[in-house]
Amino acid sequence: TPEAPELQNLFRDMVDASVANVAMEVSSHGIGMSRVHNTAFSVGVFTGIGSHHLDFHGTHEAYAETKVNWLLEQVQNSPTMRGVVVPHDDDYGQEVFAEFRGPVLTYGFDSNADIYPDQIDLSPTGSRGRIHTPDGALTFSIRIPGRHNVLNAMAAIGTAHLMGLEPICAVEGLQRFSGVSAWKDPVSPFIS
């Protein structure tokens, strides 16, 4: 997440170019360093807590508290708030689900989630299957491998739903996305 002045200048440039909506990853560092303070968010997405930012936060609990409080305070109180999308099978996601005052969609591999897949085929080159949404089931195919990317796809579909977009628009966008260079490059060709 860029520093606050740089981020706001980027938003100004986008407004000047008639960009109506922005999707961005908000890092826990960005939240903790007030880089997104007073930024209006229509939808907040929580993807879970790993161990990759413990150098900054110190503890797993402090890391989680940063993300959860961002959703329950800044996103919830945003003048453009439409809701949040949280993992169904995550304790912190359930905390947001219980406390958020507004629309909440859950996603996960459990059929009790609002958005969940079935008939999944995972391969080293991507995933395909069906995802059930509040708007019905959709066939999806993504060109980025891993269960975590299926979860990210479900979160994107939930975001589209809350933004009033047809979930098929998110699916079509995900089908065109082939990943970020150097983040998903295969290692196998280099193994002898």
C-alpha atoms as a PDB file:
ATOM      1  CA  THR A   1       0.000   0.000   0.000  1.00  0.00           C
ATOM      2  CA  PRO A   2       1.601   3.298  -1.033  1.00  0.00           C
ATOM      3  CA  GLU A   3       2.091   6.119   1.474  1.00  0.00           C
ATOM      4  CA  ALA A   4      -1.121   8.138   2.018  1.00  0.00           C
ATOM      5  CA  PRO A   5      -0.204  11.195  -0.121  1.00  0.00           C
ATOM      6  CA  GLU A   6       0.917   9.000  -3.032  1.00  0.00           C
ATOM      7  CA  LEU A   7      -2.209   6.840  -2.734  1.00  0.00           C
ATOM      8  CA  GLN A   8      -4.514   9.856  -2.710  1.00  0.00           C
ATOM      9  CA  ASN A   9      -2.685  11.321  -5.735  1.00  0.00           C
ATOM     10  CA  LEU A  10      -3.196   8.018  -7.571  1.00  0.00           C
ATOM     11  CA  PHE A  11      -6.910   8.171  -6.729  1.00  0.00           C
ATOM     12  CA  ARG A  12      -7.051  11.786  -7.969  1.00  0.00           C
ATOM     13  CA  ASP A  13      -5.428  10.727 -11.263  1.00  0.00           C
ATOM     14  CA  MET A  14      -7.987   7.927 -11.569  1.00  0.00           C
ATOM     15  CA  VAL A  15     -10.904  10.301 -10.955  1.00  0.00           C
ATOM     16  CA  ASP A  16      -9.473  12.673 -13.558  1.00  0.00           C
ATOM     17  CA  ALA A  17      -9.346   9.725 -15.998  1.00  0.00           C
ATOM     18  CA  SER A  18     -13.046   8.908 -15.242  1.00  0.00           C
ATOM     19  CA  VAL A  19     -12.263   5.731 -13.300  1.00  0.00           C
ATOM     20  CA  ALA A  20     -15.332   5.021 -11.168  1.00  0.00           C
ATOM     21  CA  ASN A  21     -14.168   2.047  -9.067  1.00  0.00           C
ATOM     22  CA  VAL A  22     -10.835   0.770  -7.785  1.00  0.00           C
ATOM     23  CA  ALA A  23      -9.949  -2.670  -6.475  1.00  0.00           C
ATOM     24  CA  MET A  24      -6.850  -2.678  -4.319  1.00  0.00           C
ATOM     25  CA  GLU A  25      -5.079  -4.885  -1.850  1.00  0.00           C
ATOM     26  CA  VAL A  26      -4.868  -3.085   1.479  1.00  0.00           C
ATOM     27  CA  SER A  27      -1.941  -4.471   3.417  1.00  0.00           C
ATOM     28  CA  SER A  28      -1.946  -4.712   7.179  1.00  0.00           C
ATOM     29  CA  HIS A  29       1.152  -2.482   7.040  1.00  0.00           C
ATOM     30  CA  GLY A  30      -0.886   0.108   5.145  1.00  0.00           C
ATOM     31  CA  ILE A  31      -3.633  -0.051   7.735  1.00  0.00           C
ATOM     32  CA  GLY A  32      -1.225   0.016  10.681  1.00  0.00           C
ATOM     33  CA  MET A  33       0.666   2.988   9.230  1.00  0.00           C
ATOM     34  CA  SER A  34      -2.576   4.924   8.470  1.00  0.00           C
ATOM     35  CA  ARG A  35      -1.932   4.887   4.731  1.00  0.00           C
ATOM     36  CA  VAL A  36      -5.636   4.309   4.010  1.00  0.00           C
ATOM     37  CA  HIS A  37      -6.997   6.457   6.861  1.00  0.00           C
ATOM     38  CA  ASN A  38     -10.101   8.399   5.752  1.00  0.00           C
ATOM     39  CA  THR A  39     -10.290   6.479   2.469  1.00  0.00           C
ATOM     40  CA  ALA A  40     -13.840   5.430   1.614  1.00  0.00           C
ATOM     41  CA  PHE A  41     -14.297   1.698   0.970  1.00  0.00           C
ATOM     42  CA  SER A  42     -17.450   0.232  -0.529  1.00  0.00           C
ATOM     43  CA  VAL A  43     -16.506  -3.390   0.138  1.00  0.00           C
ATOM     44  CA  GLY A  44     -13.934  -4.868   2.461  1.00  0.00           C
ATOM     45  CA  VAL A  45     -12.578  -8.360   1.861  1.00  0.00           C
ATOM     46  CA  PHE A  46     -10.888 -10.418   4.536  1.00  0.00           C
ATOM     47  CA  THR A  47      -8.814 -13.310   3.217  1.00  0.00           C
ATOM     48  CA  GLY A  48      -7.412 -14.529   6.510  1.00  0.00           C
ATOM     49  CA  ILE A  49      -4.266 -14.172   8.573  1.00  0.00           C
ATOM     50  CA  GLY A  50      -0.962 -15.835   7.763  1.00  0.00           C
ATOM     51  CA  SER A  51       2.454 -15.502   9.328  1.00  0.00           C
ATOM     52  CA  HIS A  52       4.067 -13.267   6.711  1.00  0.00           C
ATOM     53  CA  HIS A  53       3.584  -9.905   8.526  1.00  0.00           C
ATOM     54  CA  LEU A  54       4.570 -10.896  12.051  1.00  0.00           C
ATOM     55  CA  ASP A  55       7.788  -8.912  11.711  1.00  0.00           C
ATOM     56  CA  PHE A  56       5.647  -5.760  11.640  1.00  0.00           C
ATOM     57  CA  HIS A  57       2.804  -6.702  14.012  1.00  0.00           C
ATOM     58  CA  GLY A  58       4.766  -8.772  16.514  1.00  0.00           C
ATOM     59  CA  THR A  59       2.023 -11.295  17.209  1.00  0.00           C
ATOM     60  CA  HIS A  60      -0.605 -13.188  15.271  1.00  0.00           C
ATOM     61  CA  GLU A  61      -3.282 -11.550  17.447  1.00  0.00           C
ATOM     62  CA  ALA A  62      -2.051  -8.004  16.731  1.00  0.00           C
ATOM     63  CA  TYR A  63      -1.977  -8.781  13.002  1.00  0.00           C
ATOM     64  CA  ALA A  64      -5.547 -10.104  13.109  1.00  0.00           C
ATOM     65  CA  GLU A  65      -6.728  -7.173  15.235  1.00  0.00           C
ATOM     66  CA  THR A  66      -5.398  -4.712  12.642  1.00  0.00           C
ATOM     67  CA  LYS A  67      -7.370  -6.328   9.818  1.00  0.00           C
ATOM     68  CA  VAL A  68     -10.548  -7.000  11.826  1.00  0.00           C
ATOM     69  CA  ASN A  69     -10.646  -3.457  13.230  1.00  0.00           C
ATOM     70  CA  TRP A  70     -10.192  -2.016   9.729  1.00  0.00           C
ATOM     71  CA  LEU A  71     -13.306  -3.893   8.611  1.00  0.00           C
ATOM     72  CA  LEU A  72     -15.350  -3.152  11.751  1.00  0.00           C
ATOM     73  CA  GLU A  73     -14.376   0.506  11.933  1.00  0.00           C
ATOM     74  CA  GLN A  74     -13.213   2.058   8.671  1.00  0.00           C
ATOM     75  CA  VAL A  75     -15.117  -0.084   6.160  1.00  0.00           C
ATOM     76  CA  GLN A  76     -18.249  -0.341   8.304  1.00  0.00           C
ATOM     77  CA  ASN A  77     -18.357   3.455   8.783  1.00  0.00           C
ATOM     78  CA  SER A  78     -17.491   4.357   5.211  1.00  0.00           C
ATOM     79  CA  PRO A  79     -20.122   6.551   3.511  1.00  0.00           C
ATOM     80  CA  THR A  80     -19.981   4.245   0.467  1.00  0.00           C
ATOM     81  CA  MET A  81     -20.143   0.958   2.439  1.00  0.00           C
ATOM     82  CA  ARG A  82     -21.927  -1.930   0.711  1.00  0.00           C
ATOM     83  CA  GLY A  83     -20.640  -4.759   2.901  1.00  0.00           C
ATOM     84  CA  VAL A  84     -17.834  -7.202   3.588  1.00  0.00           C
ATOM     85  CA  VAL A  85     -16.771 -10.591   2.270  1.00  0.00           C
ATOM     86  CA  VAL A  86     -15.190 -12.939   4.824  1.00  0.00           C
ATOM     87  CA  PRO A  87     -14.020 -16.575   4.953  1.00  0.00           C
ATOM     88  CA  HIS A  88     -16.683 -18.858   6.410  1.00  0.00           C
ATOM     89  CA  ASP A  89     -14.241 -21.231   8.101  1.00  0.00           C
ATOM     90  CA  ASP A  90     -12.008 -18.640   9.756  1.00  0.00           C
ATOM     91  CA  ASP A  91     -12.377 -17.572  13.406  1.00  0.00           C
ATOM     92  CA  TYR A  92     -11.560 -13.945  12.617  1.00  0.00           C
ATOM     93  CA  GLY A  93     -13.919 -14.027   9.637  1.00  0.00           C
ATOM     94  CA  GLN A  94     -16.639 -15.256  11.994  1.00  0.00           C
ATOM     95  CA  GLU A  95     -15.852 -12.397  14.376  1.00  0.00           C
ATOM     96  CA  VAL A  96     -16.434  -9.909  11.561  1.00  0.00           C
ATOM     97  CA  PHE A  97     -19.571 -11.834  10.523  1.00  0.00           C
ATOM     98  CA  ALA A  98     -20.973 -11.532  14.058  1.00  0.00           C
ATOM     99  CA  GLU A  99     -20.081  -7.869  14.631  1.00  0.00           C
ATOM    100  CA  PHE A 100     -20.358  -6.141  11.253  1.00  0.00           C
ATOM    101  CA  ARG A 101     -23.412  -3.885  10.964  1.00  0.00           C
ATOM    102  CA  GLY A 102     -24.185  -4.271   7.279  1.00  0.00           C
ATOM    103  CA  PRO A 103     -24.268  -6.913   4.551  1.00  0.00           C
ATOM    104  CA  VAL A 104     -21.828  -9.797   5.040  1.00  0.00           C
ATOM    105  CA  LEU A 105     -21.133 -12.548   2.534  1.00  0.00           C
ATOM    106  CA  THR A 106     -19.144 -15.624   3.505  1.00  0.00           C
ATOM    107  CA  TYR A 107     -17.063 -17.808   1.207  1.00  0.00           C
ATOM    108  CA  GLY A 108     -15.277 -21.099   1.596  1.00  0.00           C
ATOM    109  CA  PHE A 109     -15.220 -24.783   0.745  1.00  0.00           C
ATOM    110  CA  ASP A 110     -18.089 -25.505   3.155  1.00  0.00           C
ATOM    111  CA  SER A 111     -21.535 -25.589   1.549  1.00  0.00           C
ATOM    112  CA  ASN A 112     -22.838 -23.527   4.493  1.00  0.00           C
ATOM    113  CA  ALA A 113     -20.953 -20.513   3.108  1.00  0.00           C
ATOM    114  CA  ASP A 114     -22.811 -18.018   0.924  1.00  0.00           C
ATOM    115  CA  ILE A 115     -20.299 -18.679  -1.864  1.00  0.00           C
ATOM    116  CA  TYR A 116     -18.811 -22.148  -2.219  1.00  0.00           C
ATOM    117  CA  PRO A 117     -17.476 -24.420  -4.975  1.00  0.00           C
ATOM    118  CA  ASP A 118     -18.261 -27.947  -6.029  1.00  0.00           C
ATOM    119  CA  GLN A 119     -16.976 -30.226  -8.749  1.00  0.00           C
ATOM    120  CA  ILE A 120     -13.523 -28.640  -8.470  1.00  0.00           C
ATOM    121  CA  ASP A 121     -10.647 -29.776 -10.621  1.00  0.00           C
ATOM    122  CA  LEU A 122      -7.322 -28.400  -9.330  1.00  0.00           C
ATOM    123  CA  SER A 123      -4.285 -28.671 -11.576  1.00  0.00           C
ATOM    124  CA  PRO A 124      -0.791 -27.148 -11.733  1.00  0.00           C
ATOM    125  CA  THR A 125      -2.037 -24.718 -14.390  1.00  0.00           C
ATOM    126  CA  GLY A 126      -5.291 -23.600 -12.770  1.00  0.00           C
ATOM    127  CA  SER A 127      -8.666 -24.667 -11.467  1.00  0.00           C
ATOM    128  CA  ARG A 128     -12.160 -25.170 -12.805  1.00  0.00           C
ATOM    129  CA  GLY A 129     -15.528 -26.168 -11.478  1.00  0.00           C
ATOM    130  CA  ARG A 130     -18.763 -24.633 -10.266  1.00  0.00           C
ATOM    131  CA  ILE A 131     -19.237 -21.933  -7.672  1.00  0.00           C
ATOM    132  CA  HIS A 132     -22.550 -21.455  -5.908  1.00  0.00           C
ATOM    133  CA  THR A 133     -23.458 -17.831  -5.174  1.00  0.00           C
ATOM    134  CA  PRO A 134     -26.495 -15.995  -3.819  1.00  0.00           C
ATOM    135  CA  ASP A 135     -27.377 -15.437  -7.505  1.00  0.00           C
ATOM    136  CA  GLY A 136     -27.079 -19.095  -8.525  1.00  0.00           C
ATOM    137  CA  ALA A 137     -24.313 -21.443  -9.676  1.00  0.00           C
ATOM    138  CA  LEU A 138     -21.586 -20.379 -12.108  1.00  0.00           C
ATOM    139  CA  THR A 139     -19.031 -22.390 -14.031  1.00  0.00           C
ATOM    140  CA  PHE A 140     -15.536 -21.022 -13.500  1.00  0.00           C
ATOM    141  CA  SER A 141     -12.075 -21.595 -14.877  1.00  0.00           C
ATOM    142  CA  ILE A 142      -9.013 -19.756 -13.608  1.00  0.00           C
ATOM    143  CA  ARG A 143      -5.473 -19.914 -14.959  1.00  0.00           C
ATOM    144  CA  ILE A 144      -3.782 -19.613 -11.584  1.00  0.00           C
ATOM    145  CA  PRO A 145      -3.265 -22.780  -9.511  1.00  0.00           C
ATOM    146  CA  GLY A 146      -4.087 -23.540  -5.905  1.00  0.00           C
ATOM    147  CA  ARG A 147      -6.962 -23.761  -3.471  1.00  0.00           C
ATOM    148  CA  HIS A 148      -6.060 -20.292  -2.169  1.00  0.00           C
ATOM    149  CA  ASN A 149      -6.741 -18.860  -5.624  1.00  0.00           C
ATOM    150  CA  VAL A 150     -10.138 -20.566  -5.703  1.00  0.00           C
ATOM    151  CA  LEU A 151     -10.818 -18.836  -2.373  1.00  0.00           C
ATOM    152  CA  ASN A 152      -9.645 -15.512  -3.835  1.00  0.00           C
ATOM    153  CA  ALA A 153     -11.928 -16.063  -6.842  1.00  0.00           C
ATOM    154  CA  MET A 154     -14.882 -16.627  -4.506  1.00  0.00           C
ATOM    155  CA  ALA A 155     -14.034 -13.417  -2.623  1.00  0.00           C
ATOM    156  CA  ALA A 156     -13.955 -11.522  -5.940  1.00  0.00           C
ATOM    157  CA  ILE A 157     -17.341 -12.954  -6.891  1.00  0.00           C
ATOM    158  CA  GLY A 158     -18.722 -11.868  -3.505  1.00  0.00           C
ATOM    159  CA  THR A 159     -17.330  -8.383  -4.024  1.00  0.00           C
ATOM    160  CA  ALA A 160     -18.979  -8.173  -7.447  1.00  0.00           C
ATOM    161  CA  HIS A 161     -22.292  -9.222  -5.886  1.00  0.00           C
ATOM    162  CA  LEU A 162     -22.079  -6.530  -3.190  1.00  0.00           C
ATOM    163  CA  MET A 163     -21.143  -3.921  -5.800  1.00  0.00           C
ATOM    164  CA  GLY A 164     -24.295  -4.750  -7.736  1.00  0.00           C
ATOM    165  CA  LEU A 165     -22.434  -6.395 -10.608  1.00  0.00           C
ATOM    166  CA  GLU A 166     -23.435  -9.681 -12.148  1.00  0.00           C
ATOM    167  CA  PRO A 167     -21.126 -12.349 -10.676  1.00  0.00           C
ATOM    168  CA  ILE A 168     -20.519 -13.626 -14.217  1.00  0.00           C
ATOM    169  CA  CYS A 169     -18.580 -10.375 -14.801  1.00  0.00           C
ATOM    170  CA  ALA A 170     -16.143 -11.386 -12.047  1.00  0.00           C
ATOM    171  CA  VAL A 171     -15.890 -14.919 -13.461  1.00  0.00           C
ATOM    172  CA  GLU A 172     -15.125 -13.581 -16.946  1.00  0.00           C
ATOM    173  CA  GLY A 173     -12.469 -11.242 -15.542  1.00  0.00           C
ATOM    174  CA  LEU A 174     -10.894 -14.053 -13.532  1.00  0.00           C
ATOM    175  CA  GLN A 175     -10.768 -16.250 -16.633  1.00  0.00           C
ATOM    176  CA  ARG A 176      -8.676 -13.591 -18.404  1.00  0.00           C
ATOM    177  CA  PHE A 177      -6.263 -13.158 -15.483  1.00  0.00           C
ATOM    178  CA  SER A 178      -3.119 -15.260 -15.789  1.00  0.00           C
ATOM    179  CA  GLY A 179      -1.393 -14.188 -12.584  1.00  0.00           C
ATOM    180  CA  VAL A 180       1.306 -11.759 -11.567  1.00  0.00           C
ATOM    181  CA  SER A 181       4.738 -12.361 -13.074  1.00  0.00           C
ATOM    182  CA  ALA A 182       7.242 -13.832 -10.605  1.00  0.00           C
ATOM    183  CA  TRP A 183       4.479 -14.649  -8.091  1.00  0.00           C
ATOM    184  CA  LYS A 184       3.358 -17.817  -9.792  1.00  0.00           C
ATOM    185  CA  ASP A 185       6.142 -18.831 -12.127  1.00  0.00           C
ATOM    186  CA  PRO A 186       6.534 -22.632 -12.130  1.00  0.00           C
ATOM    187  CA  VAL A 187       9.668 -24.090 -10.583  1.00  0.00           C
ATOM    188  CA  SER A 188       9.437 -27.523 -12.211  1.00  0.00           C
ATOM    189  CA  PRO A 189      11.273 -26.634 -15.466  1.00  0.00           C
ATOM    190  CA  PHE A 190      14.346 -25.843 -13.373  1.00  0.00           C
ATOM    191  CA  ILE A 191      14.388 -29.160 -11.535  1.00  0.00           C
ATOM    192  CA  SER A 192      16.540 -31.825 -13.160  1.00  0.00           C
END
